[in-house]
PDB file of all heavy atoms in Angstrom:
ATOM      1  N   GLY A   1      63.411 164.118 183.114  1.00  0.00           N
ATOM      2  CA  GLY A   1      64.284 163.805 184.243  1.00  0.00           C
ATOM      3  C   GLY A   1      65.754 163.930 183.882  1.00  0.00           C
ATOM      4  O   GLY A   1      66.558 164.465 184.658  1.00  0.00           O
ATOM      5  N   ALA A   2      66.120 163.459 182.694  1.00  0.00           N
ATOM      6  CA  ALA A   2      67.521 163.543 182.266  1.00  0.00           C
ATOM      7  C   ALA A   2      67.938 164.995 182.065  1.00  0.00           C
ATOM      8  O   ALA A   2      69.047 165.391 182.433  1.00  0.00           O
ATOM      9  CB  ALA A   2      67.721 162.749 180.980  1.00  0.00           C
ATOM     10  N   THR A   3      67.046 165.802 181.500  1.00  0.00           N
ATOM     11  CA  THR A   3      67.359 167.213 181.281  1.00  0.00           C
ATOM     12  C   THR A   3      67.561 167.934 182.609  1.00  0.00           C
ATOM     13  O   THR A   3      68.508 168.714 182.759  1.00  0.00           O
ATOM     14  CB  THR A   3      66.228 167.890 180.475  1.00  0.00           C
ATOM     15  OG1 THR A   3      66.057 167.183 179.251  1.00  0.00           O
ATOM     16  CG2 THR A   3      66.538 169.342 180.194  1.00  0.00           C
ATOM     17  N   GLU A   4      66.700 167.658 183.560  1.00  0.00           N
ATOM     18  CA  GLU A   4      66.840 168.293 184.877  1.00  0.00           C
ATOM     19  C   GLU A   4      68.137 167.873 185.548  1.00  0.00           C
ATOM     20  O   GLU A   4      68.840 168.687 186.142  1.00  0.00           O
ATOM     21  CB  GLU A   4      65.647 167.935 185.759  1.00  0.00           C
ATOM     22  CG  GLU A   4      64.358 168.588 185.337  1.00  0.00           C
ATOM     23  CD  GLU A   4      63.162 168.093 186.140  1.00  0.00           C
ATOM     24  OE1 GLU A   4      63.356 167.356 187.124  1.00  0.00           O
ATOM     25  OE2 GLU A   4      62.036 168.456 185.781  1.00  0.00           O
ATOM     26  N   THR A   5      68.480 166.584 185.444  1.00  0.00           N
ATOM     27  CA  THR A   5      69.712 166.094 186.064  1.00  0.00           C
ATOM     28  C   THR A   5      70.930 166.751 185.440  1.00  0.00           C
ATOM     29  O   THR A   5      71.835 167.192 186.141  1.00  0.00           O
ATOM     30  CB  THR A   5      69.799 164.562 185.919  1.00  0.00           C
ATOM     31  OG1 THR A   5      68.660 163.976 186.520  1.00  0.00           O
ATOM     32  CG2 THR A   5      71.043 164.031 186.568  1.00  0.00           C
ATOM     33  N   LEU A   6      70.956 166.825 184.110  1.00  0.00           N
ATOM     34  CA  LEU A   6      72.098 167.449 183.439  1.00  0.00           C
ATOM     35  C   LEU A   6      72.184 168.937 183.762  1.00  0.00           C
ATOM     36  O   LEU A   6      73.274 169.480 183.920  1.00  0.00           O
ATOM     37  CB  LEU A   6      72.003 167.237 181.928  1.00  0.00           C
ATOM     38  CG  LEU A   6      72.280 165.821 181.449  1.00  0.00           C
ATOM     39  CD1 LEU A   6      72.058 165.720 179.945  1.00  0.00           C
ATOM     40  CD2 LEU A   6      73.693 165.401 181.797  1.00  0.00           C
ATOM     41  N   THR A   7      71.053 169.591 183.875  1.00  0.00           N
ATOM     42  CA  THR A   7      71.063 171.008 184.216  1.00  0.00           C
ATOM     43  C   THR A   7      71.622 171.218 185.616  1.00  0.00           C
ATOM     44  O   THR A   7      72.399 172.144 185.846  1.00  0.00           O
ATOM     45  CB  THR A   7      69.635 171.588 184.131  1.00  0.00           C
ATOM     46  OG1 THR A   7      69.135 171.367 182.821  1.00  0.00           O
ATOM     47  CG2 THR A   7      69.618 173.066 184.446  1.00  0.00           C
ATOM     48  N   ASN A   8      71.252 170.340 186.534  1.00  0.00           N
ATOM     49  CA  ASN A   8      71.739 170.468 187.905  1.00  0.00           C
ATOM     50  C   ASN A   8      73.219 170.131 188.005  1.00  0.00           C
ATOM     51  O   ASN A   8      73.945 170.711 188.820  1.00  0.00           O
ATOM     52  CB  ASN A   8      70.942 169.570 188.848  1.00  0.00           C
ATOM     53  CG  ASN A   8      69.510 170.045 188.995  1.00  0.00           C
ATOM     54  OD1 ASN A   8      69.202 171.204 188.747  1.00  0.00           O
ATOM     55  ND2 ASN A   8      68.630 169.141 189.391  1.00  0.00           N
ATOM     56  N   LEU A   9      73.673 169.171 187.210  1.00  0.00           N
ATOM     57  CA  LEU A   9      75.071 168.758 187.286  1.00  0.00           C
ATOM     58  C   LEU A   9      76.007 169.723 186.571  1.00  0.00           C
ATOM     59  O   LEU A   9      77.155 169.892 186.977  1.00  0.00           O
ATOM     60  CB  LEU A   9      75.244 167.359 186.676  1.00  0.00           C
ATOM     61  CG  LEU A   9      74.671 166.196 187.465  1.00  0.00           C
ATOM     62  CD1 LEU A   9      74.895 164.899 186.702  1.00  0.00           C
ATOM     63  CD2 LEU A   9      75.323 166.107 188.832  1.00  0.00           C
ATOM     64  N   ALA A  10      75.536 170.302 185.494  1.00  0.00           N
ATOM     65  CA  ALA A  10      76.412 171.141 184.680  1.00  0.00           C
ATOM     66  C   ALA A  10      76.643 172.472 185.369  1.00  0.00           C
ATOM     67  O   ALA A  10      75.730 173.248 185.585  1.00  0.00           O
ATOM     68  CB  ALA A  10      75.799 171.352 183.305  1.00  0.00           C
ATOM     69  N   ARG A  11      77.862 172.672 185.721  1.00  0.00           N
ATOM     70  CA  ARG A  11      78.249 173.966 186.255  1.00  0.00           C
ATOM     71  C   ARG A  11      79.006 174.686 185.154  1.00  0.00           C
ATOM     72  O   ARG A  11      79.611 174.042 184.299  1.00  0.00           O
ATOM     73  CB  ARG A  11      79.151 173.780 187.481  1.00  0.00           C
ATOM     74  CG  ARG A  11      78.399 173.194 188.667  1.00  0.00           C
ATOM     75  CD  ARG A  11      79.322 173.022 189.813  1.00  0.00           C
ATOM     76  NE  ARG A  11      79.852 171.648 189.736  1.00  0.00           N
ATOM     77  CZ  ARG A  11      80.821 171.177 190.460  1.00  0.00           C
ATOM     78  NH1 ARG A  11      81.431 171.933 191.315  1.00  0.00           N
ATOM     79  NH2 ARG A  11      81.225 169.940 190.338  1.00  0.00           N
ATOM     80  N   PRO A  12      79.001 175.994 185.177  1.00  0.00           N
ATOM     81  CA  PRO A  12      79.732 176.686 184.128  1.00  0.00           C
ATOM     82  C   PRO A  12      81.201 176.273 184.165  1.00  0.00           C
ATOM     83  O   PRO A  12      81.860 176.355 185.193  1.00  0.00           O
ATOM     84  CB  PRO A  12      79.568 178.167 184.450  1.00  0.00           C
ATOM     85  CG  PRO A  12      78.674 178.255 185.625  1.00  0.00           C
ATOM     86  CD  PRO A  12      78.382 176.893 186.121  1.00  0.00           C
ATOM     87  N   SER A  13      81.676 175.784 183.055  1.00  0.00           N
ATOM     88  CA  SER A  13      83.082 175.394 182.974  1.00  0.00           C
ATOM     89  C   SER A  13      83.634 175.848 181.647  1.00  0.00           C
ATOM     90  O   SER A  13      82.898 176.090 180.696  1.00  0.00           O
ATOM     91  CB  SER A  13      83.238 173.892 183.145  1.00  0.00           C
ATOM     92  OG  SER A  13      82.561 173.221 182.129  1.00  0.00           O
ATOM     93  N   SER A  14      84.939 175.966 181.615  1.00  0.00           N
ATOM     94  CA  SER A  14      85.579 176.436 180.408  1.00  0.00           C
ATOM     95  C   SER A  14      86.936 175.778 180.287  1.00  0.00           C
ATOM     96  O   SER A  14      87.586 175.459 181.293  1.00  0.00           O
ATOM     97  CB  SER A  14      85.728 177.959 180.486  1.00  0.00           C
ATOM     98  OG  SER A  14      86.380 178.431 179.338  1.00  0.00           O
ATOM     99  N   MET A  15      87.353 175.587 179.056  1.00  0.00           N
ATOM    100  CA  MET A  15      88.679 175.032 178.836  1.00  0.00           C
ATOM    101  C   MET A  15      89.656 176.187 178.650  1.00  0.00           C
ATOM    102  O   MET A  15      89.388 177.128 177.905  1.00  0.00           O
ATOM    103  CB  MET A  15      88.674 174.143 177.595  1.00  0.00           C
ATOM    104  CG  MET A  15      89.975 173.409 177.401  1.00  0.00           C
ATOM    105  SD  MET A  15      89.966 172.397 175.936  1.00  0.00           S
ATOM    106  CE  MET A  15      90.857 173.459 174.848  1.00  0.00           C
ATOM    107  N   VAL A  16      90.759 176.102 179.358  1.00  0.00           N
ATOM    108  CA  VAL A  16      91.795 177.127 179.230  1.00  0.00           C
ATOM    109  C   VAL A  16      93.082 176.440 178.796  1.00  0.00           C
ATOM    110  O   VAL A  16      93.291 175.245 179.029  1.00  0.00           O
ATOM    111  CB  VAL A  16      92.014 177.898 180.552  1.00  0.00           C
ATOM    112  CG1 VAL A  16      90.762 178.662 180.937  1.00  0.00           C
ATOM    113  CG2 VAL A  16      92.454 176.989 181.658  1.00  0.00           C
ATOM    114  N   SER A  17      93.933 177.198 178.180  1.00  0.00           N
ATOM    115  CA  SER A  17      95.233 176.655 177.793  1.00  0.00           C
ATOM    116  C   SER A  17      96.324 177.547 178.366  1.00  0.00           C
ATOM    117  O   SER A  17      96.101 178.721 178.668  1.00  0.00           O
ATOM    118  CB  SER A  17      95.347 176.550 176.278  1.00  0.00           C
ATOM    119  OG  SER A  17      95.197 177.809 175.687  1.00  0.00           O
ATOM    120  N   GLY A  18      97.474 177.003 178.500  1.00  0.00           N
ATOM    121  CA  GLY A  18      98.612 177.694 179.080  1.00  0.00           C
ATOM    122  C   GLY A  18      99.691 176.664 179.358  1.00  0.00           C
ATOM    123  O   GLY A  18      99.741 175.601 178.719  1.00  0.00           O
ATOM    124  N   ARG A  19     100.532 176.978 180.315  1.00  0.00           N
ATOM    125  CA  ARG A  19     101.599 176.034 180.670  1.00  0.00           C
ATOM    126  C   ARG A  19     101.891 176.213 182.147  1.00  0.00           C
ATOM    127  O   ARG A  19     102.366 177.263 182.575  1.00  0.00           O
ATOM    128  CB  ARG A  19     102.826 176.312 179.833  1.00  0.00           C
ATOM    129  CG  ARG A  19     103.918 175.291 179.961  1.00  0.00           C
ATOM    130  CD  ARG A  19     104.989 175.584 178.895  1.00  0.00           C
ATOM    131  NE  ARG A  19     106.163 174.803 179.113  1.00  0.00           N
ATOM    132  CZ  ARG A  19     106.497 173.718 178.427  1.00  0.00           C
ATOM    133  NH1 ARG A  19     105.691 173.285 177.482  1.00  0.00           N
ATOM    134  NH2 ARG A  19     107.604 173.080 178.672  1.00  0.00           N
ATOM    135  N   ALA A  20     101.578 175.158 182.939  1.00  0.00           N
ATOM    136  CA  ALA A  20     101.823 175.205 184.380  1.00  0.00           C
ATOM    137  C   ALA A  20     102.641 173.986 184.769  1.00  0.00           C
ATOM    138  O   ALA A  20     102.324 172.859 184.389  1.00  0.00           O
ATOM    139  CB  ALA A  20     100.512 175.238 185.151  1.00  0.00           C
ATOM    140  N   LEU A  21     103.713 174.192 185.506  1.00  0.00           N
ATOM    141  CA  LEU A  21     104.608 173.121 185.923  1.00  0.00           C
ATOM    142  C   LEU A  21     103.949 172.268 186.998  1.00  0.00           C
ATOM    143  O   LEU A  21     103.391 172.787 187.969  1.00  0.00           O
ATOM    144  CB  LEU A  21     105.926 173.711 186.462  1.00  0.00           C
ATOM    145  CG  LEU A  21     106.944 172.727 187.003  1.00  0.00           C
ATOM    146  CD1 LEU A  21     107.462 171.824 185.883  1.00  0.00           C
ATOM    147  CD2 LEU A  21     108.089 173.460 187.666  1.00  0.00           C
ATOM    148  N   CYS A  22     104.006 170.938 186.822  1.00  0.00           N
ATOM    149  CA  CYS A  22     103.478 170.013 187.829  1.00  0.00           C
ATOM    150  C   CYS A  22     104.555 169.841 188.900  1.00  0.00           C
ATOM    151  O   CYS A  22     105.654 169.356 188.604  1.00  0.00           O
ATOM    152  CB  CYS A  22     103.176 168.652 187.206  1.00  0.00           C
ATOM    153  SG  CYS A  22     101.923 168.671 185.916  1.00  0.00           S
ATOM    154  N   PRO A  23     104.276 170.249 190.144  1.00  0.00           N
ATOM    155  CA  PRO A  23     105.285 170.079 191.192  1.00  0.00           C
ATOM    156  C   PRO A  23     105.480 168.602 191.525  1.00  0.00           C
ATOM    157  O   PRO A  23     104.590 167.781 191.319  1.00  0.00           O
ATOM    158  CB  PRO A  23     104.707 170.840 192.382  1.00  0.00           C
ATOM    159  CG  PRO A  23     103.245 170.901 192.126  1.00  0.00           C
ATOM    160  CD  PRO A  23     103.055 170.869 190.639  1.00  0.00           C
ATOM    161  N   VAL A  24     106.648 168.261 192.031  1.00  0.00           N
ATOM    162  CA  VAL A  24     106.950 166.884 192.389  1.00  0.00           C
ATOM    163  C   VAL A  24     106.409 166.640 193.786  1.00  0.00           C
ATOM    164  O   VAL A  24     106.673 167.405 194.728  1.00  0.00           O
ATOM    165  CB  VAL A  24     108.479 166.634 192.330  1.00  0.00           C
ATOM    166  CG1 VAL A  24     108.794 165.211 192.751  1.00  0.00           C
ATOM    167  CG2 VAL A  24     109.010 166.916 190.946  1.00  0.00           C
ATOM    168  N   SER A  25     105.634 165.567 193.934  1.00  0.00           N
ATOM    169  CA  SER A  25     105.054 165.253 195.248  1.00  0.00           C
ATOM    170  C   SER A  25     106.069 164.467 196.080  1.00  0.00           C
ATOM    171  O   SER A  25     107.173 164.174 195.628  1.00  0.00           O
ATOM    172  CB  SER A  25     103.761 164.460 195.072  1.00  0.00           C
ATOM    173  OG  SER A  25     104.039 163.220 194.452  1.00  0.00           O
ATOM    174  N   GLY A  26     105.678 164.105 197.279  1.00  0.00           N
ATOM    175  CA  GLY A  26     106.550 163.402 198.224  1.00  0.00           C
ATOM    176  C   GLY A  26     107.051 162.059 197.705  1.00  0.00           C
ATOM    177  O   GLY A  26     108.157 161.628 198.037  1.00  0.00           O
ATOM    178  N   ASN A  27     106.270 161.386 196.892  1.00  0.00           N
ATOM    179  CA  ASN A  27     106.687 160.073 196.398  1.00  0.00           C
ATOM    180  C   ASN A  27     107.466 160.162 195.084  1.00  0.00           C
ATOM    181  O   ASN A  27     107.822 159.154 194.498  1.00  0.00           O
ATOM    182  CB  ASN A  27     105.488 159.148 196.231  1.00  0.00           C
ATOM    183  CG  ASN A  27     104.498 159.632 195.191  1.00  0.00           C
ATOM    184  OD1 ASN A  27     104.693 160.676 194.583  1.00  0.00           O
ATOM    185  ND2 ASN A  27     103.425 158.881 195.012  1.00  0.00           N
ATOM    186  N   GLY A  28     107.711 161.371 194.596  1.00  0.00           N
ATOM    187  CA  GLY A  28     108.501 161.554 193.381  1.00  0.00           C
ATOM    188  C   GLY A  28     107.674 161.680 192.121  1.00  0.00           C
ATOM    189  O   GLY A  28     108.205 161.969 191.051  1.00  0.00           O
ATOM    190  N   ALA A  29     106.393 161.484 192.189  1.00  0.00           N
ATOM    191  CA  ALA A  29     105.518 161.583 191.016  1.00  0.00           C
ATOM    192  C   ALA A  29     105.066 163.029 190.838  1.00  0.00           C
ATOM    193  O   ALA A  29     104.965 163.786 191.811  1.00  0.00           O
ATOM    194  CB  ALA A  29     104.303 160.684 191.187  1.00  0.00           C
ATOM    195  N   PRO A  30     104.763 163.439 189.620  1.00  0.00           N
ATOM    196  CA  PRO A  30     104.290 164.819 189.411  1.00  0.00           C
ATOM    197  C   PRO A  30     102.851 164.986 189.905  1.00  0.00           C
ATOM    198  O   PRO A  30     102.020 164.108 189.747  1.00  0.00           O
ATOM    199  CB  PRO A  30     104.383 165.003 187.902  1.00  0.00           C
ATOM    200  CG  PRO A  30     104.322 163.638 187.338  1.00  0.00           C
ATOM    201  CD  PRO A  30     104.929 162.725 188.359  1.00  0.00           C
ATOM    202  N   ASP A  31     102.548 166.126 190.524  1.00  0.00           N
ATOM    203  CA  ASP A  31     101.207 166.444 191.024  1.00  0.00           C
ATOM    204  C   ASP A  31     100.562 167.415 190.046  1.00  0.00           C
ATOM    205  O   ASP A  31     100.642 168.629 190.201  1.00  0.00           O
ATOM    206  CB  ASP A  31     101.310 167.052 192.431  1.00  0.00           C
ATOM    207  CG  ASP A  31      99.950 167.324 193.034  1.00  0.00           C
ATOM    208  OD1 ASP A  31      98.930 166.875 192.451  1.00  0.00           O
ATOM    209  OD2 ASP A  31      99.889 167.980 194.095  1.00  0.00           O
ATOM    210  N   CYS A  32      99.921 166.861 189.031  1.00  0.00           N
ATOM    211  CA  CYS A  32      99.357 167.699 187.972  1.00  0.00           C
ATOM    212  C   CYS A  32      98.009 168.298 188.347  1.00  0.00           C
ATOM    213  O   CYS A  32      97.546 169.234 187.686  1.00  0.00           O
ATOM    214  CB  CYS A  32      99.275 166.908 186.671  1.00  0.00           C
ATOM    215  SG  CYS A  32     100.929 166.585 186.006  1.00  0.00           S
ATOM    216  N   LYS A  33      97.342 167.799 189.376  1.00  0.00           N
ATOM    217  CA  LYS A  33      96.101 168.412 189.852  1.00  0.00           C
ATOM    218  C   LYS A  33      96.399 169.816 190.360  1.00  0.00           C
ATOM    219  O   LYS A  33      95.679 170.774 190.061  1.00  0.00           O
ATOM    220  CB  LYS A  33      95.471 167.535 190.948  1.00  0.00           C
ATOM    221  CG  LYS A  33      94.308 168.170 191.687  1.00  0.00           C
ATOM    222  CD  LYS A  33      93.097 168.380 190.799  1.00  0.00           C
ATOM    223  CE  LYS A  33      91.918 168.839 191.642  1.00  0.00           C
ATOM    224  NZ  LYS A  33      91.127 169.851 190.993  1.00  0.00           N
ATOM    225  N   ALA A  34      97.495 169.958 191.097  1.00  0.00           N
ATOM    226  CA  ALA A  34      97.883 171.273 191.605  1.00  0.00           C
ATOM    227  C   ALA A  34      98.218 172.215 190.446  1.00  0.00           C
ATOM    228  O   ALA A  34      97.878 173.408 190.475  1.00  0.00           O
ATOM    229  CB  ALA A  34      99.071 171.142 192.549  1.00  0.00           C
ATOM    230  N   ALA A  35      98.859 171.688 189.392  1.00  0.00           N
ATOM    231  CA  ALA A  35      99.200 172.520 188.238  1.00  0.00           C
ATOM    232  C   ALA A  35      97.938 172.943 187.493  1.00  0.00           C
ATOM    233  O   ALA A  35      97.832 174.092 187.048  1.00  0.00           O
ATOM    234  CB  ALA A  35     100.147 171.760 187.311  1.00  0.00           C
ATOM    235  N   ALA A  36      96.963 172.046 187.359  1.00  0.00           N
ATOM    236  CA  ALA A  36      95.702 172.394 186.695  1.00  0.00           C
ATOM    237  C   ALA A  36      94.957 173.448 187.506  1.00  0.00           C
ATOM    238  O   ALA A  36      94.398 174.396 186.934  1.00  0.00           O
ATOM    239  CB  ALA A  36      94.843 171.154 186.506  1.00  0.00           C
ATOM    240  N   ASP A  37      94.942 173.307 188.818  1.00  0.00           N
ATOM    241  CA  ASP A  37      94.305 174.312 189.673  1.00  0.00           C
ATOM    242  C   ASP A  37      94.980 175.675 189.497  1.00  0.00           C
ATOM    243  O   ASP A  37      94.315 176.698 189.371  1.00  0.00           O
ATOM    244  CB  ASP A  37      94.361 173.886 191.141  1.00  0.00           C
ATOM    245  CG  ASP A  37      93.415 172.738 191.456  1.00  0.00           C
ATOM    246  OD1 ASP A  37      92.508 172.454 190.638  1.00  0.00           O
ATOM    247  OD2 ASP A  37      93.583 172.109 192.518  1.00  0.00           O
ATOM    248  N   LYS A  38      96.321 175.686 189.469  1.00  0.00           N
ATOM    249  CA  LYS A  38      97.053 176.945 189.322  1.00  0.00           C
ATOM    250  C   LYS A  38      96.770 177.573 187.964  1.00  0.00           C
ATOM    251  O   LYS A  38      96.550 178.788 187.868  1.00  0.00           O
ATOM    252  CB  LYS A  38      98.555 176.712 189.486  1.00  0.00           C
ATOM    253  CG  LYS A  38      99.366 177.988 189.399  1.00  0.00           C
ATOM    254  CD  LYS A  38     100.803 177.750 189.725  1.00  0.00           C
ATOM    255  CE  LYS A  38     101.666 178.984 189.690  1.00  0.00           C
ATOM    256  NZ  LYS A  38     101.246 180.138 188.994  1.00  0.00           N
ATOM    257  N   LEU A  39      96.733 176.766 186.902  1.00  0.00           N
ATOM    258  CA  LEU A  39      96.442 177.279 185.568  1.00  0.00           C
ATOM    259  C   LEU A  39      95.052 177.914 185.524  1.00  0.00           C
ATOM    260  O   LEU A  39      94.866 178.997 184.954  1.00  0.00           O
ATOM    261  CB  LEU A  39      96.558 176.158 184.538  1.00  0.00           C
ATOM    262  CG  LEU A  39      96.380 176.515 183.073  1.00  0.00           C
ATOM    263  CD1 LEU A  39      97.464 177.490 182.619  1.00  0.00           C
ATOM    264  CD2 LEU A  39      96.426 175.262 182.217  1.00  0.00           C
ATOM    265  N   CYS A  40      94.070 177.267 186.149  1.00  0.00           N
ATOM    266  CA  CYS A  40      92.701 177.800 186.169  1.00  0.00           C
ATOM    267  C   CYS A  40      92.597 179.040 187.048  1.00  0.00           C
ATOM    268  O   CYS A  40      91.893 180.005 186.704  1.00  0.00           O
ATOM    269  CB  CYS A  40      91.727 176.727 186.636  1.00  0.00           C
ATOM    270  SG  CYS A  40      91.484 175.422 185.411  1.00  0.00           S
TER     271      CYS A  40
END
């Protein structure tokens, strides 16, 4: 059961490196989710 669950949950993923600027959101905090999406 655990093997089947992990197989179903695991989608192909990969770690990438680079440098993407986190844009400033409306409240002044950096939006790093958008930067991670752009890098990927």
